[in-house]
Amino acid sequence: MDLMTREELARDPLWVARRLLGCELRSSSPEGEVGVRLVEVEAYRGTDDPASHCYRGRTERNSVMFGPAGHLYVYFVYGMHFCINVVSLTDGVPGAVLLRAGEITTGRDLARSRRPAARKDVQLASGPARLAGVLGITREHNGIDLTDPDSPVRLYDGDQVAEDDIRSGPRVGVAAAMDLPWRSWVDGSEAVSAYRRGGRRRIRARA
């Protein structure tokens, strides 16, 4: 498979989100390699998206979201989990796509060792924290270039999912812009995570 290019990812997050479905994310480490086929994603813009980490401007934490496209934005949430995003749009304009779920394609045994509580393989990367966990991605991966063949985490083009097989709906657990249908997923994939509506009690933005 070919690596995704920066030019392909330097577009509106809503377009990039649907384009990422069916693509493969691979993470290499001394333990081995794990790959996942992406089946669920969420788009986030910047200063016009109140659910985005960039809504109130640039900070040290969210600076990766301001580009260039094709880099990995990693953040820690609820004091427990890492979540991973693909940066989109052009340099200086914030936007990203949260990777919510995937199907294991490579390194199943290593993935299971990282998620021993999963009862089924389809649950290994079902949800953003689980996805980051099976790939072994932590804060140290923040900012790496997914389009670089020498990067420890790389994003590959896959079999593009047909539009008829893509579904869209509200993002999960956000406290603002809750009804925007900016979450996209592959219809019929058992790895797609359960939907949970956000609200006042869920005060953290996703990306």
C-alpha atoms as a PDB file:
ATOM      1  CA  MET A   1       0.000   0.000   0.000  1.00  0.00           C
ATOM      2  CA  ASP A   2       1.043   3.596  -0.591  1.00  0.00           C
ATOM      3  CA  LEU A   3       1.412   6.151   2.159  1.00  0.00           C
ATOM      4  CA  MET A   4      -1.171   8.913   2.291  1.00  0.00           C
ATOM      5  CA  THR A   5       0.301  12.212   1.139  1.00  0.00           C
ATOM      6  CA  ARG A   6       0.262  15.548   2.900  1.00  0.00           C
ATOM      7  CA  GLU A   7      -1.617  17.045  -0.044  1.00  0.00           C
ATOM      8  CA  GLU A   8      -4.451  14.529   0.337  1.00  0.00           C
ATOM      9  CA  LEU A   9      -4.823  15.384   4.018  1.00  0.00           C
ATOM     10  CA  ALA A  10      -4.593  19.177   3.657  1.00  0.00           C
ATOM     11  CA  ARG A  11      -8.352  19.515   3.157  1.00  0.00           C
ATOM     12  CA  ASP A  12     -11.456  20.170   5.202  1.00  0.00           C
ATOM     13  CA  PRO A  13     -11.673  17.716   8.136  1.00  0.00           C
ATOM     14  CA  LEU A  14     -15.165  16.649   7.042  1.00  0.00           C
ATOM     15  CA  TRP A  15     -13.799  15.475   3.706  1.00  0.00           C
ATOM     16  CA  VAL A  16     -10.662  13.948   5.215  1.00  0.00           C
ATOM     17  CA  ALA A  17     -12.708  12.026   7.805  1.00  0.00           C
ATOM     18  CA  ARG A  18     -14.653  10.129   5.141  1.00  0.00           C
ATOM     19  CA  ARG A  19     -11.495   9.635   3.086  1.00  0.00           C
ATOM     20  CA  LEU A  20      -9.723   8.007   6.051  1.00  0.00           C
ATOM     21  CA  LEU A  21     -12.309   5.242   6.325  1.00  0.00           C
ATOM     22  CA  GLY A  22     -10.710   2.084   4.972  1.00  0.00           C
ATOM     23  CA  CYS A  23      -7.178   3.472   5.330  1.00  0.00           C
ATOM     24  CA  GLU A  24      -4.635   1.629   7.484  1.00  0.00           C
ATOM     25  CA  LEU A  25      -2.662   3.026  10.409  1.00  0.00           C
ATOM     26  CA  ARG A  26       0.448   1.069  11.373  1.00  0.00           C
ATOM     27  CA  SER A  27       2.591   1.528  14.465  1.00  0.00           C
ATOM     28  CA  SER A  28       6.051  -0.011  14.848  1.00  0.00           C
ATOM     29  CA  SER A  29       7.945  -0.513  18.098  1.00  0.00           C
ATOM     30  CA  PRO A  30      10.614  -2.861  19.500  1.00  0.00           C
ATOM     31  CA  GLU A  31       7.726  -5.200  20.379  1.00  0.00           C
ATOM     32  CA  GLY A  32       6.569  -5.465  16.783  1.00  0.00           C
ATOM     33  CA  GLU A  33       4.033  -3.860  14.484  1.00  0.00           C
ATOM     34  CA  VAL A  34       0.275  -3.420  14.810  1.00  0.00           C
ATOM     35  CA  GLY A  35      -1.954  -2.232  11.985  1.00  0.00           C
ATOM     36  CA  VAL A  36      -5.617  -1.236  12.014  1.00  0.00           C
ATOM     37  CA  ARG A  37      -8.103  -0.526   9.233  1.00  0.00           C
ATOM     38  CA  LEU A  38      -9.973   2.632  10.203  1.00  0.00           C
ATOM     39  CA  VAL A  39     -13.749   2.197  10.457  1.00  0.00           C
ATOM     40  CA  GLU A  40     -14.899   5.153  12.596  1.00  0.00           C
ATOM     41  CA  VAL A  41     -13.716   8.768  12.734  1.00  0.00           C
ATOM     42  CA  GLU A  42     -14.837  12.242  13.865  1.00  0.00           C
ATOM     43  CA  ALA A  43     -14.094  15.579  12.217  1.00  0.00           C
ATOM     44  CA  TYR A  44     -13.084  18.668  14.214  1.00  0.00           C
ATOM     45  CA  ARG A  45     -12.384  22.122  12.885  1.00  0.00           C
ATOM     46  CA  GLY A  46     -10.823  25.024  14.767  1.00  0.00           C
ATOM     47  CA  THR A  47     -12.061  28.426  15.851  1.00  0.00           C
ATOM     48  CA  ASP A  48     -15.510  27.848  14.294  1.00  0.00           C
ATOM     49  CA  ASP A  49     -16.034  24.523  16.104  1.00  0.00           C
ATOM     50  CA  PRO A  50     -16.895  24.911  19.827  1.00  0.00           C
ATOM     51  CA  ALA A  51     -16.162  21.202  20.425  1.00  0.00           C
ATOM     52  CA  SER A  52     -12.576  21.589  19.221  1.00  0.00           C
ATOM     53  CA  HIS A  53      -9.477  21.994  21.367  1.00  0.00           C
ATOM     54  CA  CYS A  54      -8.606  24.968  19.104  1.00  0.00           C
ATOM     55  CA  TYR A  55     -11.856  26.858  19.569  1.00  0.00           C
ATOM     56  CA  ARG A  56     -10.243  29.431  21.881  1.00  0.00           C
ATOM     57  CA  GLY A  57      -7.018  29.712  19.927  1.00  0.00           C
ATOM     58  CA  ARG A  58      -3.546  28.285  19.859  1.00  0.00           C
ATOM     59  CA  THR A  59      -1.867  26.860  22.963  1.00  0.00           C
ATOM     60  CA  GLU A  60       1.167  24.710  23.640  1.00  0.00           C
ATOM     61  CA  ARG A  61      -1.124  21.681  23.950  1.00  0.00           C
ATOM     62  CA  ASN A  62      -3.007  22.081  20.667  1.00  0.00           C
ATOM     63  CA  SER A  63      -0.248  23.583  18.504  1.00  0.00           C
ATOM     64  CA  VAL A  64       0.113  20.425  16.380  1.00  0.00           C
ATOM     65  CA  MET A  65      -3.474  20.913  15.174  1.00  0.00           C
ATOM     66  CA  PHE A  66      -2.373  24.115  13.418  1.00  0.00           C
ATOM     67  CA  GLY A  67      -0.462  22.092  10.841  1.00  0.00           C
ATOM     68  CA  PRO A  68       1.071  21.122   8.652  1.00  0.00           C
ATOM     69  CA  ALA A  69      -1.343  18.368   7.694  1.00  0.00           C
ATOM     70  CA  GLY A  70      -0.413  14.714   8.046  1.00  0.00           C
ATOM     71  CA  HIS A  71       0.962  14.895  11.577  1.00  0.00           C
ATOM     72  CA  LEU A  72      -0.336  13.029  14.617  1.00  0.00           C
ATOM     73  CA  TYR A  73      -2.061  14.982  17.398  1.00  0.00           C
ATOM     74  CA  VAL A  74      -2.109  12.976  20.642  1.00  0.00           C
ATOM     75  CA  TYR A  75      -3.795  14.111  23.835  1.00  0.00           C
ATOM     76  CA  PHE A  76      -4.516  12.647  27.269  1.00  0.00           C
ATOM     77  CA  VAL A  77      -8.147  12.566  28.400  1.00  0.00           C
ATOM     78  CA  TYR A  78      -9.913  11.985  31.736  1.00  0.00           C
ATOM     79  CA  GLY A  79      -6.511  11.382  33.336  1.00  0.00           C
ATOM     80  CA  MET A  80      -6.561   7.848  31.927  1.00  0.00           C
ATOM     81  CA  HIS A  81      -6.370   7.488  28.141  1.00  0.00           C
ATOM     82  CA  PHE A  82      -4.639   8.745  25.028  1.00  0.00           C
ATOM     83  CA  CYS A  83      -6.584   9.700  21.907  1.00  0.00           C
ATOM     84  CA  ILE A  84      -5.098  10.140  18.438  1.00  0.00           C
ATOM     85  CA  ASN A  85      -5.944  12.479  15.591  1.00  0.00           C
ATOM     86  CA  VAL A  86      -4.785  13.086  12.034  1.00  0.00           C
ATOM     87  CA  VAL A  87      -4.113  16.781  11.401  1.00  0.00           C
ATOM     88  CA  SER A  88      -5.764  18.216   8.286  1.00  0.00           C
ATOM     89  CA  LEU A  89      -6.223  21.595   6.555  1.00  0.00           C
ATOM     90  CA  THR A  90      -3.283  23.863   5.711  1.00  0.00           C
ATOM     91  CA  ASP A  91      -0.416  25.102   7.827  1.00  0.00           C
ATOM     92  CA  GLY A  92      -1.700  27.688  10.301  1.00  0.00           C
ATOM     93  CA  VAL A  93      -5.371  26.689   9.983  1.00  0.00           C
ATOM     94  CA  PRO A  94      -6.406  24.205  12.714  1.00  0.00           C
ATOM     95  CA  GLY A  95      -8.298  21.011  11.995  1.00  0.00           C
ATOM     96  CA  ALA A  96      -8.052  17.314  12.749  1.00  0.00           C
ATOM     97  CA  VAL A  97      -9.841  13.987  12.553  1.00  0.00           C
ATOM     98  CA  LEU A  98     -10.192  11.904  15.703  1.00  0.00           C
ATOM     99  CA  LEU A  99      -9.635   8.194  15.037  1.00  0.00           C
ATOM    100  CA  ARG A 100     -12.375   6.370  16.928  1.00  0.00           C
ATOM    101  CA  ALA A 101     -12.214   2.699  15.909  1.00  0.00           C
ATOM    102  CA  GLY A 102     -10.443   0.193  13.700  1.00  0.00           C
ATOM    103  CA  GLU A 103     -10.173  -3.463  12.747  1.00  0.00           C
ATOM    104  CA  ILE A 104      -6.855  -5.222  13.424  1.00  0.00           C
ATOM    105  CA  THR A 105      -5.017  -6.110  10.199  1.00  0.00           C
ATOM    106  CA  THR A 106      -1.479  -6.771  11.460  1.00  0.00           C
ATOM    107  CA  GLY A 107       0.017  -7.865  14.779  1.00  0.00           C
ATOM    108  CA  ARG A 108      -3.107  -9.387  16.316  1.00  0.00           C
ATOM    109  CA  ASP A 109      -1.169 -11.190  19.075  1.00  0.00           C
ATOM    110  CA  LEU A 110       0.623  -8.008  20.108  1.00  0.00           C
ATOM    111  CA  ALA A 111      -2.671  -6.116  20.029  1.00  0.00           C
ATOM    112  CA  ARG A 112      -4.267  -8.723  22.301  1.00  0.00           C
ATOM    113  CA  SER A 113      -1.356  -8.492  24.744  1.00  0.00           C
ATOM    114  CA  ARG A 114      -1.979  -4.750  24.984  1.00  0.00           C
ATOM    115  CA  ARG A 115      -5.734  -5.178  25.445  1.00  0.00           C
ATOM    116  CA  PRO A 116      -6.034  -8.447  27.455  1.00  0.00           C
ATOM    117  CA  ALA A 117      -9.493  -7.505  28.768  1.00  0.00           C
ATOM    118  CA  ALA A 118     -11.038  -7.540  25.277  1.00  0.00           C
ATOM    119  CA  ARG A 119     -13.344 -10.542  24.897  1.00  0.00           C
ATOM    120  CA  LYS A 120     -13.420 -10.451  21.095  1.00  0.00           C
ATOM    121  CA  ASP A 121     -10.974  -9.305  18.459  1.00  0.00           C
ATOM    122  CA  VAL A 122     -13.507  -6.758  17.152  1.00  0.00           C
ATOM    123  CA  GLN A 123     -13.333  -5.043  20.552  1.00  0.00           C
ATOM    124  CA  LEU A 124      -9.552  -4.581  20.518  1.00  0.00           C
ATOM    125  CA  ALA A 125      -9.652  -1.169  18.803  1.00  0.00           C
ATOM    126  CA  SER A 126     -13.322  -0.264  19.281  1.00  0.00           C
ATOM    127  CA  GLY A 127     -13.180   3.220  20.767  1.00  0.00           C
ATOM    128  CA  PRO A 128     -10.496   5.951  20.628  1.00  0.00           C
ATOM    129  CA  ALA A 129      -8.671   4.930  23.822  1.00  0.00           C
ATOM    130  CA  ARG A 130      -8.585   1.268  22.807  1.00  0.00           C
ATOM    131  CA  LEU A 131      -7.343   2.204  19.353  1.00  0.00           C
ATOM    132  CA  ALA A 132      -4.459   4.213  20.782  1.00  0.00           C
ATOM    133  CA  GLY A 133      -3.742   1.439  23.283  1.00  0.00           C
ATOM    134  CA  VAL A 134      -3.406  -1.430  20.798  1.00  0.00           C
ATOM    135  CA  LEU A 135      -1.144   0.723  18.630  1.00  0.00           C
ATOM    136  CA  GLY A 136       1.032   1.572  21.637  1.00  0.00           C
ATOM    137  CA  ILE A 137       0.662   5.300  20.997  1.00  0.00           C
ATOM    138  CA  THR A 138       1.413   7.701  23.848  1.00  0.00           C
ATOM    139  CA  ARG A 139       2.245  11.378  24.312  1.00  0.00           C
ATOM    140  CA  GLU A 140       5.751  10.814  22.912  1.00  0.00           C
ATOM    141  CA  HIS A 141       4.185  10.254  19.482  1.00  0.00           C
ATOM    142  CA  ASN A 142       2.556  13.684  19.428  1.00  0.00           C
ATOM    143  CA  GLY A 143       3.584  15.598  16.320  1.00  0.00           C
ATOM    144  CA  ILE A 144       5.160  12.762  14.323  1.00  0.00           C
ATOM    145  CA  ASP A 145       4.724  12.756  10.557  1.00  0.00           C
ATOM    146  CA  LEU A 146       2.356  10.025   9.372  1.00  0.00           C
ATOM    147  CA  THR A 147       3.392  10.551   5.744  1.00  0.00           C
ATOM    148  CA  ASP A 148       7.087   9.801   6.399  1.00  0.00           C
ATOM    149  CA  PRO A 149       8.065   6.193   5.510  1.00  0.00           C
ATOM    150  CA  ASP A 150      10.614   6.222   8.362  1.00  0.00           C
ATOM    151  CA  SER A 151       8.080   7.321  10.991  1.00  0.00           C
ATOM    152  CA  PRO A 152       7.193   4.833  13.769  1.00  0.00           C
ATOM    153  CA  VAL A 153       3.501   5.469  12.965  1.00  0.00           C
ATOM    154  CA  ARG A 154       2.408   5.651   9.337  1.00  0.00           C
ATOM    155  CA  LEU A 155      -0.872   6.176   7.503  1.00  0.00           C
ATOM    156  CA  TYR A 156      -1.474   4.088   4.387  1.00  0.00           C
ATOM    157  CA  ASP A 157      -4.070   4.422   1.685  1.00  0.00           C
ATOM    158  CA  GLY A 158      -6.495   1.498   1.663  1.00  0.00           C
ATOM    159  CA  ASP A 159      -9.462   0.303  -0.302  1.00  0.00           C
ATOM    160  CA  GLN A 160     -11.661   3.379  -0.380  1.00  0.00           C
ATOM    161  CA  VAL A 161     -15.043   2.767   1.235  1.00  0.00           C
ATOM    162  CA  ALA A 162     -17.998   3.327  -1.098  1.00  0.00           C
ATOM    163  CA  GLU A 163     -20.222   6.276  -0.190  1.00  0.00           C
ATOM    164  CA  ASP A 164     -23.205   3.914   0.115  1.00  0.00           C
ATOM    165  CA  ASP A 165     -21.351   2.067   2.889  1.00  0.00           C
ATOM    166  CA  ILE A 166     -20.597   5.179   4.969  1.00  0.00           C
ATOM    167  CA  ARG A 167     -22.944   6.402   7.684  1.00  0.00           C
ATOM    168  CA  SER A 168     -22.798   9.713   9.550  1.00  0.00           C
ATOM    169  CA  GLY A 169     -24.154  10.974  12.859  1.00  0.00           C
ATOM    170  CA  PRO A 170     -23.421  13.183  15.894  1.00  0.00           C
ATOM    171  CA  ARG A 171     -20.019  13.132  17.546  1.00  0.00           C
ATOM    172  CA  VAL A 172     -19.633  11.174  20.775  1.00  0.00           C
ATOM    173  CA  GLY A 173     -19.545  12.706  24.244  1.00  0.00           C
ATOM    174  CA  VAL A 174     -18.891  16.341  23.297  1.00  0.00           C
ATOM    175  CA  ALA A 175     -20.373  19.162  25.361  1.00  0.00           C
ATOM    176  CA  ALA A 176     -20.879  21.581  22.451  1.00  0.00           C
ATOM    177  CA  ALA A 177     -22.155  21.309  18.867  1.00  0.00           C
ATOM    178  CA  MET A 178     -23.573  17.960  19.895  1.00  0.00           C
ATOM    179  CA  ASP A 179     -25.909  17.475  16.944  1.00  0.00           C
ATOM    180  CA  LEU A 180     -23.495  18.111  14.093  1.00  0.00           C
ATOM    181  CA  PRO A 181     -23.267  14.880  12.032  1.00  0.00           C
ATOM    182  CA  TRP A 182     -19.470  14.971  11.911  1.00  0.00           C
ATOM    183  CA  ARG A 183     -18.855  11.362  12.971  1.00  0.00           C
ATOM    184  CA  SER A 184     -18.538   8.876  10.111  1.00  0.00           C
ATOM    185  CA  TRP A 185     -18.288   5.103  10.177  1.00  0.00           C
ATOM    186  CA  VAL A 186     -18.298   2.007   7.965  1.00  0.00           C
ATOM    187  CA  ASP A 187     -21.741   0.489   7.942  1.00  0.00           C
ATOM    188  CA  GLY A 188     -21.762  -3.088   9.232  1.00  0.00           C
ATOM    189  CA  SER A 189     -18.356  -3.051  10.944  1.00  0.00           C
ATOM    190  CA  GLU A 190     -18.577  -4.672  14.374  1.00  0.00           C
ATOM    191  CA  ALA A 191     -15.627  -2.582  15.563  1.00  0.00           C
ATOM    192  CA  VAL A 192     -17.603   0.681  15.452  1.00  0.00           C
ATOM    193  CA  SER A 193     -17.976   1.998  19.001  1.00  0.00           C
ATOM    194  CA  ALA A 194     -21.252   2.561  20.841  1.00  0.00           C
ATOM    195  CA  TYR A 195     -22.792   6.028  20.532  1.00  0.00           C
ATOM    196  CA  ARG A 196     -23.046   8.107  23.714  1.00  0.00           C
ATOM    197  CA  ARG A 197     -24.548  11.558  23.505  1.00  0.00           C
ATOM    198  CA  GLY A 198     -22.643  14.357  25.202  1.00  0.00           C
ATOM    199  CA  GLY A 199     -23.949  17.102  27.427  1.00  0.00           C
ATOM    200  CA  ARG A 200     -23.055  19.377  30.278  1.00  0.00           C
ATOM    201  CA  ARG A 201     -21.417  16.635  32.294  1.00  0.00           C
ATOM    202  CA  ARG A 202     -19.004  15.797  29.484  1.00  0.00           C
ATOM    203  CA  ILE A 203     -17.016  18.989  29.469  1.00  0.00           C
ATOM    204  CA  ARG A 204     -13.929  17.936  27.529  1.00  0.00           C
ATOM    205  CA  ALA A 205     -13.615  18.536  23.823  1.00  0.00           C
ATOM    206  CA  ARG A 206     -12.271  15.704  21.730  1.00  0.00           C
ATOM    207  CA  ALA A 207      -9.817  17.266  19.322  1.00  0.00           C
END
